[in-house]
Amino acid sequence: MLKEYPELRSQNLRTKIYKETIQLITTHNEDRIHAILHFSTNILSFVILSVWVIKNFLFLTHGFENSYIT
């Protein structure tokens, strides 16, 4: 009976370490997913703003020449 106790204790310790490792990996993966989503959102915002700026620049430089004011 005394010999089984250290084994049980080490088994419990291994189980706790395993569960904590899985939790840390899950948290790390969630953080990575959030970082990727933030990065892709920033890229999309940059593209939208760039297109808007170029469109307005072209309209201001060439748009008045081609517009018909009646």
Protein backbone atom coordinates (compact mmCIF):
# COMPACT_ATOMS: atom_id res chain seq x y z
CA MET A 1 0.00 0.00 0.00
CA LEU A 2 2.80 2.41 0.77
CA LYS A 3 4.49 1.62 -2.52
CA GLU A 4 1.38 2.55 -4.52
CA TYR A 5 1.08 6.04 -3.05
CA PRO A 6 4.14 7.56 -4.77
CA GLU A 7 2.99 6.09 -8.08
CA LEU A 8 -0.46 7.55 -7.65
CA ARG A 9 1.00 10.89 -6.68
CA SER A 10 3.32 10.92 -9.71
CA GLN A 11 0.42 9.86 -11.95
CA ASN A 12 -1.66 12.77 -10.62
CA LEU A 13 1.24 15.12 -11.15
CA ARG A 14 1.67 13.92 -14.74
CA THR A 15 -2.04 14.35 -15.35
CA LYS A 16 -1.97 17.90 -13.98
CA ILE A 17 1.09 18.77 -16.06
CA TYR A 18 -0.56 17.28 -19.15
CA LYS A 19 -3.78 19.27 -18.61
CA GLU A 20 -1.87 22.49 -17.99
CA THR A 21 0.25 21.93 -21.10
CA ILE A 22 -2.87 21.40 -23.21
CA GLN A 23 -4.38 24.57 -21.74
CA LEU A 24 -1.23 26.58 -22.52
CA ILE A 25 -1.14 25.28 -26.10
CA THR A 26 -4.82 26.11 -26.56
CA THR A 27 -4.29 29.63 -25.22
CA HIS A 28 -1.27 30.09 -27.46
CA ASN A 29 -3.23 28.96 -30.51
CA GLU A 30 -6.10 31.31 -29.67
CA ASP A 31 -3.65 34.20 -29.35
CA ARG A 32 -2.15 33.32 -32.74
CA ILE A 33 -5.60 33.24 -34.35
CA HIS A 34 -6.41 36.65 -32.86
CA ALA A 35 -3.11 38.07 -34.12
CA ILE A 36 -3.78 36.75 -37.63
CA LEU A 37 -7.29 38.21 -37.59
CA HIS A 38 -5.99 41.61 -36.46
CA PHE A 39 -3.29 41.56 -39.12
CA SER A 40 -5.72 40.64 -41.90
CA THR A 41 -8.14 43.34 -40.70
CA ASN A 42 -5.34 45.90 -40.85
CA ILE A 43 -4.40 44.83 -44.37
CA LEU A 44 -8.03 45.01 -45.53
CA SER A 45 -8.43 48.48 -44.00
CA PHE A 46 -5.22 49.63 -45.67
CA VAL A 47 -6.39 48.35 -49.07
CA ILE A 48 -9.80 50.01 -48.74
CA LEU A 49 -8.29 53.35 -47.70
CA SER A 50 -5.67 53.17 -50.46
CA VAL A 51 -8.30 52.55 -53.13
CA TRP A 52 -10.43 55.38 -51.74
CA VAL A 53 -7.48 57.82 -51.74
CA ILE A 54 -6.43 56.87 -55.29
CA LYS A 55 -10.03 57.14 -56.53
CA ASN A 56 -10.45 60.60 -55.00
CA PHE A 57 -7.06 61.72 -56.26
CA LEU A 58 -7.95 60.68 -59.80
CA PHE A 59 -11.33 62.37 -59.52
CA LEU A 60 -9.76 65.62 -58.32
CA THR A 61 -7.08 65.64 -61.01
CA HIS A 62 -9.14 64.40 -63.97
CA GLY A 63 -12.75 64.37 -62.85
CA PHE A 64 -13.50 68.06 -63.31
CA GLU A 65 -12.31 68.03 -66.92
CA ASN A 66 -14.74 65.29 -67.91
CA SER A 67 -17.74 66.35 -65.87
CA TYR A 68 -20.61 68.14 -67.58
CA ILE A 69 -22.06 70.95 -65.53
CA THR A 70 -25.40 72.15 -66.85
